Amino acid sequence: MNKFGVVLSTGAMAVTAALVPAGAASAAAYNDSFGKDTGPSPSCYRYGAVQFVDHGEYGDDYVGVYDACKDGVGVKAWIWINGELVGAQRNGDGFNSEVYVDVRNLVKDDVIGLKVCAQDGPSGTPFACGSTEHKMHDG
């Protein structure tokens, strides 16, 4: 765990979409997209997830915060770039919804950290958290 509370991980993460089209310029040849789940809920595999999406050379990258359980509990995510907290977003929109946070277009060697937790109400204490970080291969 680093000083920002982000657990360092080298494991493979599930990626919901590969957005770099075939034939993209070599500067964006590697899809740096990755994600992290919350812990399990009593009624679901997970409360939700956070997903960083590498948009390649085609614009700003973004982060999606997904609510994955019909339990009435929201999901909150925090985003760090190179150790600096750059934002947080709560998704309280209900099951199968996703909210997005634009982040600048990341470049080679930038490090993005993500933390995602279940959160019962906007002022509730976050719980069942998961966190990870990733060093960009090519931005």
N, C-alpha and C. Protein backbone atom coordinates (compact mmCIF):
# COMPACT_ATOMS: atom_id res chain seq x y z
N MET A 1 0.85 -1.17 0.00
CA MET A 1 0.00 0.00 0.00
C MET A 1 0.89 1.22 0.00
N ASN A 2 0.58 2.21 -0.87
CA ASN A 2 1.40 3.41 -0.88
C ASN A 2 0.86 4.44 0.10
N LYS A 3 1.45 5.62 0.18
CA LYS A 3 1.05 6.63 1.16
C LYS A 3 -0.33 7.21 0.88
N PHE A 4 -0.93 6.92 -0.24
CA PHE A 4 -2.26 7.43 -0.57
C PHE A 4 -3.34 6.41 -0.29
N GLY A 5 -2.99 5.27 0.31
CA GLY A 5 -3.96 4.24 0.63
C GLY A 5 -4.32 3.37 -0.56
N VAL A 6 -3.52 3.45 -1.64
CA VAL A 6 -3.79 2.65 -2.82
C VAL A 6 -2.92 1.40 -2.76
N VAL A 7 -3.57 0.26 -2.84
CA VAL A 7 -2.85 -1.01 -2.82
C VAL A 7 -2.21 -1.22 -4.18
N LEU A 8 -0.94 -1.50 -4.19
CA LEU A 8 -0.23 -1.75 -5.44
C LEU A 8 -0.57 -3.15 -5.92
N SER A 9 -0.85 -3.29 -7.20
CA SER A 9 -1.26 -4.59 -7.73
C SER A 9 -0.62 -4.81 -9.08
N THR A 10 -0.17 -6.03 -9.30
CA THR A 10 0.36 -6.38 -10.60
C THR A 10 -0.54 -7.37 -11.31
N GLY A 11 -1.65 -7.75 -10.66
CA GLY A 11 -2.57 -8.72 -11.25
C GLY A 11 -3.30 -8.14 -12.44
N ALA A 12 -3.76 -9.02 -13.32
CA ALA A 12 -4.53 -8.59 -14.49
C ALA A 12 -5.91 -8.15 -14.03
N MET A 13 -6.42 -7.08 -14.62
CA MET A 13 -7.74 -6.54 -14.30
C MET A 13 -8.67 -6.77 -15.47
N ALA A 14 -9.92 -7.00 -15.18
CA ALA A 14 -10.92 -7.15 -16.24
C ALA A 14 -11.11 -5.79 -16.92
N VAL A 15 -11.18 -5.80 -18.22
CA VAL A 15 -11.37 -4.57 -18.99
C VAL A 15 -12.70 -4.68 -19.70
N THR A 16 -13.53 -3.66 -19.54
CA THR A 16 -14.87 -3.73 -20.12
C THR A 16 -14.89 -3.41 -21.59
N ALA A 17 -13.91 -2.64 -22.06
CA ALA A 17 -13.92 -2.31 -23.48
C ALA A 17 -12.52 -1.97 -23.95
N ALA A 18 -12.20 -2.34 -25.15
CA ALA A 18 -10.94 -1.96 -25.78
C ALA A 18 -11.27 -0.88 -26.78
N LEU A 19 -10.83 0.34 -26.47
CA LEU A 19 -11.25 1.47 -27.28
C LEU A 19 -10.20 1.94 -28.28
N VAL A 20 -9.06 1.29 -28.37
CA VAL A 20 -8.06 1.69 -29.34
C VAL A 20 -8.33 0.93 -30.63
N PRO A 21 -8.76 1.63 -31.67
CA PRO A 21 -9.09 0.92 -32.91
C PRO A 21 -7.85 0.34 -33.58
N ALA A 22 -8.08 -0.68 -34.40
CA ALA A 22 -6.99 -1.27 -35.17
C ALA A 22 -6.37 -0.20 -36.04
N GLY A 23 -5.07 -0.22 -36.13
CA GLY A 23 -4.38 0.76 -36.96
C GLY A 23 -4.09 2.07 -36.24
N ALA A 24 -4.35 2.15 -34.92
CA ALA A 24 -4.06 3.38 -34.19
C ALA A 24 -2.55 3.62 -34.21
N ALA A 25 -2.17 4.87 -34.09
CA ALA A 25 -0.77 5.25 -34.13
C ALA A 25 0.02 4.52 -33.05
N SER A 26 1.29 4.29 -33.28
CA SER A 26 2.11 3.54 -32.34
C SER A 26 2.19 4.22 -30.98
N ALA A 27 1.95 5.53 -30.91
CA ALA A 27 1.97 6.23 -29.63
C ALA A 27 0.87 5.73 -28.71
N ALA A 28 -0.16 5.12 -29.24
CA ALA A 28 -1.26 4.62 -28.43
C ALA A 28 -1.54 3.16 -28.75
N ALA A 29 -0.52 2.39 -29.01
CA ALA A 29 -0.69 1.00 -29.43
C ALA A 29 -1.09 0.09 -28.28
N TYR A 30 -0.82 0.46 -27.03
CA TYR A 30 -1.13 -0.38 -25.89
C TYR A 30 -2.37 0.16 -25.19
N ASN A 31 -3.34 -0.68 -24.93
CA ASN A 31 -4.54 -0.27 -24.22
C ASN A 31 -4.27 -0.38 -22.72
N ASP A 32 -4.13 0.76 -22.05
CA ASP A 32 -3.83 0.80 -20.62
C ASP A 32 -5.08 0.75 -19.75
N SER A 33 -6.24 0.41 -20.30
CA SER A 33 -7.46 0.34 -19.51
C SER A 33 -7.35 -0.74 -18.42
N PHE A 34 -7.94 -0.48 -17.26
CA PHE A 34 -7.95 -1.45 -16.17
C PHE A 34 -9.05 -1.06 -15.19
N GLY A 35 -9.37 -1.95 -14.28
CA GLY A 35 -10.42 -1.66 -13.32
C GLY A 35 -10.23 -2.38 -12.01
N LYS A 36 -11.13 -2.08 -11.08
CA LYS A 36 -11.10 -2.70 -9.76
C LYS A 36 -12.51 -2.80 -9.21
N ASP A 37 -12.84 -3.93 -8.60
CA ASP A 37 -14.13 -4.14 -7.96
C ASP A 37 -14.09 -3.73 -6.49
N THR A 38 -15.29 -3.45 -5.94
CA THR A 38 -15.43 -3.35 -4.49
C THR A 38 -15.38 -4.77 -3.94
N GLY A 39 -15.47 -4.88 -2.65
CA GLY A 39 -15.63 -6.20 -2.05
C GLY A 39 -17.04 -6.71 -2.30
N PRO A 40 -17.30 -7.95 -1.92
CA PRO A 40 -18.63 -8.53 -2.15
C PRO A 40 -19.68 -7.94 -1.22
N SER A 41 -20.92 -7.93 -1.69
CA SER A 41 -22.05 -7.53 -0.87
C SER A 41 -22.75 -8.80 -0.40
N PRO A 42 -23.60 -8.72 0.62
CA PRO A 42 -24.31 -9.92 1.07
C PRO A 42 -25.20 -10.53 -0.02
N SER A 43 -25.63 -9.70 -0.99
CA SER A 43 -26.55 -10.22 -2.01
C SER A 43 -25.96 -10.26 -3.42
N CYS A 44 -24.72 -9.79 -3.58
CA CYS A 44 -24.12 -9.73 -4.92
C CYS A 44 -22.64 -10.09 -4.87
N TYR A 45 -22.10 -10.41 -6.03
CA TYR A 45 -20.67 -10.68 -6.18
C TYR A 45 -19.84 -9.47 -5.75
N ARG A 46 -20.36 -8.25 -6.06
CA ARG A 46 -19.67 -7.00 -5.73
C ARG A 46 -20.72 -5.90 -5.62
N TYR A 47 -20.41 -4.85 -4.86
CA TYR A 47 -21.29 -3.68 -4.82
C TYR A 47 -21.18 -2.91 -6.14
N GLY A 48 -19.95 -2.80 -6.63
CA GLY A 48 -19.71 -2.05 -7.85
C GLY A 48 -18.26 -2.12 -8.26
N ALA A 49 -17.88 -1.20 -9.15
CA ALA A 49 -16.52 -1.22 -9.69
C ALA A 49 -16.14 0.17 -10.19
N VAL A 50 -14.85 0.34 -10.39
CA VAL A 50 -14.32 1.53 -11.05
C VAL A 50 -13.49 1.04 -12.23
N GLN A 51 -13.55 1.76 -13.34
CA GLN A 51 -12.85 1.36 -14.56
C GLN A 51 -12.16 2.58 -15.17
N PHE A 52 -10.84 2.51 -15.34
CA PHE A 52 -10.11 3.53 -16.11
C PHE A 52 -10.14 3.12 -17.57
N VAL A 53 -10.50 4.04 -18.45
CA VAL A 53 -10.56 3.75 -19.88
C VAL A 53 -9.54 4.63 -20.60
N ASP A 54 -8.57 3.96 -21.21
CA ASP A 54 -7.53 4.61 -22.00
C ASP A 54 -8.12 4.93 -23.37
N HIS A 55 -8.33 6.18 -23.63
CA HIS A 55 -8.96 6.60 -24.88
C HIS A 55 -7.94 6.78 -25.99
N GLY A 56 -6.71 6.36 -25.73
CA GLY A 56 -5.66 6.44 -26.76
C GLY A 56 -5.40 7.88 -27.17
N GLU A 57 -5.09 8.04 -28.42
CA GLU A 57 -4.76 9.38 -28.93
C GLU A 57 -5.99 10.19 -29.28
N TYR A 58 -7.18 9.65 -29.02
CA TYR A 58 -8.41 10.27 -29.51
C TYR A 58 -9.07 11.21 -28.53
N GLY A 59 -8.46 11.56 -27.44
CA GLY A 59 -9.05 12.51 -26.50
C GLY A 59 -8.72 12.14 -25.07
N ASP A 60 -9.38 12.84 -24.15
CA ASP A 60 -9.12 12.61 -22.74
C ASP A 60 -9.54 11.21 -22.32
N ASP A 61 -8.77 10.66 -21.41
CA ASP A 61 -9.11 9.38 -20.81
C ASP A 61 -10.22 9.63 -19.78
N TYR A 62 -10.87 8.58 -19.34
CA TYR A 62 -11.93 8.77 -18.35
C TYR A 62 -12.03 7.58 -17.42
N VAL A 63 -12.79 7.80 -16.33
CA VAL A 63 -13.02 6.79 -15.32
C VAL A 63 -14.53 6.61 -15.19
N GLY A 64 -14.98 5.37 -15.17
CA GLY A 64 -16.39 5.06 -14.94
C GLY A 64 -16.58 4.45 -13.56
N VAL A 65 -17.65 4.86 -12.88
CA VAL A 65 -17.99 4.32 -11.57
C VAL A 65 -19.33 3.60 -11.72
N TYR A 66 -19.33 2.28 -11.52
CA TYR A 66 -20.44 1.41 -11.86
C TYR A 66 -21.08 0.81 -10.61
N ASP A 67 -22.41 0.89 -10.52
CA ASP A 67 -23.17 0.26 -9.44
C ASP A 67 -23.63 -1.11 -9.96
N ALA A 68 -23.20 -2.18 -9.31
CA ALA A 68 -23.42 -3.53 -9.82
C ALA A 68 -24.39 -4.37 -8.99
N CYS A 69 -25.09 -3.76 -8.03
CA CYS A 69 -25.92 -4.57 -7.15
C CYS A 69 -27.25 -3.87 -6.85
N LYS A 70 -28.33 -4.64 -6.84
CA LYS A 70 -29.68 -4.13 -6.52
C LYS A 70 -29.87 -4.11 -5.01
N ASP A 71 -29.05 -3.33 -4.32
CA ASP A 71 -29.11 -3.32 -2.87
C ASP A 71 -29.39 -1.94 -2.28
N GLY A 72 -29.50 -0.92 -3.12
CA GLY A 72 -29.75 0.43 -2.64
C GLY A 72 -28.52 1.14 -2.10
N VAL A 73 -27.35 0.50 -2.20
CA VAL A 73 -26.10 1.08 -1.72
C VAL A 73 -25.35 1.65 -2.91
N GLY A 74 -24.86 2.88 -2.80
CA GLY A 74 -24.11 3.50 -3.88
C GLY A 74 -22.64 3.08 -3.87
N VAL A 75 -21.90 3.63 -4.83
CA VAL A 75 -20.48 3.32 -4.99
C VAL A 75 -19.73 4.64 -5.17
N LYS A 76 -18.59 4.78 -4.52
CA LYS A 76 -17.77 5.98 -4.65
C LYS A 76 -16.36 5.60 -5.05
N ALA A 77 -15.75 6.39 -5.94
CA ALA A 77 -14.38 6.14 -6.38
C ALA A 77 -13.54 7.41 -6.25
N TRP A 78 -12.25 7.21 -5.98
CA TRP A 78 -11.26 8.28 -5.91
C TRP A 78 -10.20 8.02 -6.95
N ILE A 79 -9.63 9.09 -7.50
CA ILE A 79 -8.67 8.98 -8.60
C ILE A 79 -7.41 9.79 -8.25
N TRP A 80 -6.26 9.14 -8.36
CA TRP A 80 -4.97 9.81 -8.18
C TRP A 80 -4.20 9.72 -9.49
N ILE A 81 -3.50 10.79 -9.84
CA ILE A 81 -2.56 10.76 -10.96
C ILE A 81 -1.21 11.20 -10.42
N ASN A 82 -0.22 10.35 -10.57
CA ASN A 82 1.13 10.59 -10.08
C ASN A 82 1.14 11.01 -8.62
N GLY A 83 0.31 10.32 -7.81
CA GLY A 83 0.26 10.54 -6.37
C GLY A 83 -0.60 11.70 -5.93
N GLU A 84 -1.19 12.45 -6.83
CA GLU A 84 -2.02 13.61 -6.48
C GLU A 84 -3.50 13.26 -6.68
N LEU A 85 -4.30 13.45 -5.62
CA LEU A 85 -5.73 13.21 -5.73
C LEU A 85 -6.32 14.22 -6.70
N VAL A 86 -6.93 13.74 -7.77
CA VAL A 86 -7.47 14.64 -8.79
C VAL A 86 -8.99 14.63 -8.85
N GLY A 87 -9.61 13.74 -8.09
CA GLY A 87 -11.06 13.75 -8.09
C GLY A 87 -11.66 12.55 -7.41
N ALA A 88 -12.96 12.68 -7.16
CA ALA A 88 -13.76 11.60 -6.60
C ALA A 88 -15.15 11.73 -7.19
N GLN A 89 -15.82 10.60 -7.32
CA GLN A 89 -17.17 10.62 -7.88
C GLN A 89 -17.99 9.54 -7.20
N ARG A 90 -19.21 9.89 -6.82
CA ARG A 90 -20.13 8.91 -6.22
C ARG A 90 -21.22 8.58 -7.23
N ASN A 91 -21.54 7.31 -7.33
CA ASN A 91 -22.66 6.87 -8.14
C ASN A 91 -23.74 6.36 -7.20
N GLY A 92 -24.79 7.15 -7.06
CA GLY A 92 -25.94 6.76 -6.25
C GLY A 92 -27.18 6.60 -7.10
N ASP A 93 -26.96 6.36 -8.41
CA ASP A 93 -28.07 6.30 -9.36
C ASP A 93 -28.77 4.95 -9.42
N GLY A 94 -28.29 3.96 -8.71
CA GLY A 94 -28.95 2.66 -8.66
C GLY A 94 -28.30 1.62 -9.55
N PHE A 95 -28.82 0.40 -9.41
CA PHE A 95 -28.30 -0.77 -10.09
C PHE A 95 -28.13 -0.55 -11.59
N ASN A 96 -27.02 -1.04 -12.08
CA ASN A 96 -26.69 -1.05 -13.51
C ASN A 96 -26.51 0.36 -14.09
N SER A 97 -26.12 1.31 -13.26
CA SER A 97 -25.86 2.66 -13.75
C SER A 97 -24.36 2.94 -13.66
N GLU A 98 -23.92 3.88 -14.44
CA GLU A 98 -22.51 4.25 -14.47
C GLU A 98 -22.40 5.75 -14.62
N VAL A 99 -21.51 6.38 -13.86
CA VAL A 99 -21.21 7.80 -14.00
C VAL A 99 -19.74 7.92 -14.40
N TYR A 100 -19.39 9.01 -15.04
CA TYR A 100 -18.06 9.16 -15.63
C TYR A 100 -17.34 10.38 -15.10
N VAL A 101 -16.02 10.28 -15.06
CA VAL A 101 -15.14 11.38 -14.68
C VAL A 101 -14.10 11.51 -15.78
N ASP A 102 -14.02 12.67 -16.43
CA ASP A 102 -12.97 12.90 -17.41
C ASP A 102 -11.66 13.19 -16.68
N VAL A 103 -10.59 12.59 -17.16
CA VAL A 103 -9.25 12.94 -16.68
C VAL A 103 -8.44 13.31 -17.91
N ARG A 104 -7.40 14.06 -17.70
CA ARG A 104 -6.59 14.47 -18.84
C ARG A 104 -6.07 13.25 -19.60
N ASN A 105 -5.61 13.44 -20.80
CA ASN A 105 -5.04 12.35 -21.58
C ASN A 105 -3.70 11.97 -20.95
N LEU A 106 -3.65 10.80 -20.33
CA LEU A 106 -2.43 10.38 -19.65
C LEU A 106 -1.37 9.95 -20.66
N VAL A 107 -0.12 10.07 -20.24
CA VAL A 107 1.01 9.77 -21.13
C VAL A 107 1.89 8.70 -20.50
N LYS A 108 2.84 8.20 -21.27
CA LYS A 108 3.78 7.17 -20.83
C LYS A 108 4.36 7.53 -19.46
N ASP A 109 4.39 6.54 -18.58
CA ASP A 109 4.94 6.61 -17.23
C ASP A 109 4.06 7.36 -16.22
N ASP A 110 2.94 7.96 -16.62
CA ASP A 110 1.99 8.47 -15.63
C ASP A 110 1.49 7.29 -14.82
N VAL A 111 1.23 7.51 -13.54
CA VAL A 111 0.69 6.47 -12.68
C VAL A 111 -0.70 6.91 -12.24
N ILE A 112 -1.70 6.07 -12.52
CA ILE A 112 -3.06 6.36 -12.09
C ILE A 112 -3.44 5.37 -11.00
N GLY A 113 -3.96 5.92 -9.91
CA GLY A 113 -4.43 5.10 -8.80
C GLY A 113 -5.93 5.21 -8.67
N LEU A 114 -6.58 4.11 -8.37
CA LEU A 114 -8.03 4.08 -8.20
C LEU A 114 -8.37 3.41 -6.88
N LYS A 115 -9.37 3.96 -6.20
CA LYS A 115 -9.93 3.33 -5.01
C LYS A 115 -11.44 3.36 -5.18
N VAL A 116 -12.13 2.26 -4.89
CA VAL A 116 -13.58 2.19 -5.04
C VAL A 116 -14.16 1.52 -3.79
N CYS A 117 -15.26 2.11 -3.29
CA CYS A 117 -15.90 1.59 -2.08
C CYS A 117 -17.41 1.63 -2.24
N ALA A 118 -18.09 0.77 -1.52
CA ALA A 118 -19.53 0.91 -1.35
C ALA A 118 -19.75 2.07 -0.38
N GLN A 119 -20.86 2.80 -0.56
CA GLN A 119 -21.15 3.92 0.33
C GLN A 119 -22.66 4.07 0.43
N ASP A 120 -23.20 3.85 1.60
CA ASP A 120 -24.64 3.92 1.84
C ASP A 120 -25.04 5.37 2.11
N GLY A 121 -25.41 6.08 1.05
CA GLY A 121 -25.76 7.50 1.15
C GLY A 121 -24.54 8.37 0.96
N PRO A 122 -24.75 9.61 0.48
CA PRO A 122 -23.63 10.51 0.17
C PRO A 122 -22.72 10.82 1.36
N SER A 123 -23.24 10.75 2.57
CA SER A 123 -22.39 11.05 3.74
C SER A 123 -22.06 9.78 4.54
N GLY A 124 -22.40 8.61 3.98
CA GLY A 124 -22.10 7.36 4.66
C GLY A 124 -20.61 7.05 4.66
N THR A 125 -20.20 6.23 5.59
CA THR A 125 -18.80 5.80 5.68
C THR A 125 -18.52 4.76 4.60
N PRO A 126 -17.50 4.99 3.75
CA PRO A 126 -17.15 4.00 2.72
C PRO A 126 -16.73 2.66 3.35
N PHE A 127 -17.09 1.55 2.68
CA PHE A 127 -16.73 0.23 3.17
C PHE A 127 -16.58 -0.73 1.98
N ALA A 128 -16.10 -1.93 2.24
CA ALA A 128 -15.88 -2.95 1.19
C ALA A 128 -15.06 -2.39 0.04
N CYS A 129 -13.95 -1.76 0.37
CA CYS A 129 -13.14 -1.03 -0.62
C CYS A 129 -12.16 -1.95 -1.36
N GLY A 130 -11.80 -1.52 -2.55
CA GLY A 130 -10.74 -2.13 -3.33
C GLY A 130 -9.92 -1.02 -3.95
N SER A 131 -8.64 -1.23 -4.14
CA SER A 131 -7.81 -0.19 -4.75
C SER A 131 -6.67 -0.83 -5.54
N THR A 132 -6.18 -0.04 -6.49
CA THR A 132 -5.10 -0.49 -7.36
C THR A 132 -4.45 0.73 -8.01
N GLU A 133 -3.30 0.54 -8.59
CA GLU A 133 -2.71 1.59 -9.43
C GLU A 133 -2.01 0.94 -10.63
N HIS A 134 -1.78 1.77 -11.63
CA HIS A 134 -1.25 1.28 -12.90
C HIS A 134 -0.33 2.34 -13.50
N LYS A 135 0.83 1.91 -13.96
CA LYS A 135 1.75 2.81 -14.66
C LYS A 135 1.48 2.70 -16.16
N MET A 136 1.23 3.83 -16.81
CA MET A 136 0.88 3.84 -18.22
C MET A 136 2.05 3.36 -19.07
N HIS A 137 1.74 2.45 -20.00
CA HIS A 137 2.76 1.95 -20.92
C HIS A 137 3.09 2.97 -22.00
N ASP A 138 2.06 3.54 -22.61
CA ASP A 138 2.33 4.49 -23.69
C ASP A 138 1.36 5.67 -23.73
N GLY A 139 0.43 5.75 -22.83
CA GLY A 139 -0.49 6.89 -22.78
C GLY A 139 -1.61 6.81 -23.77
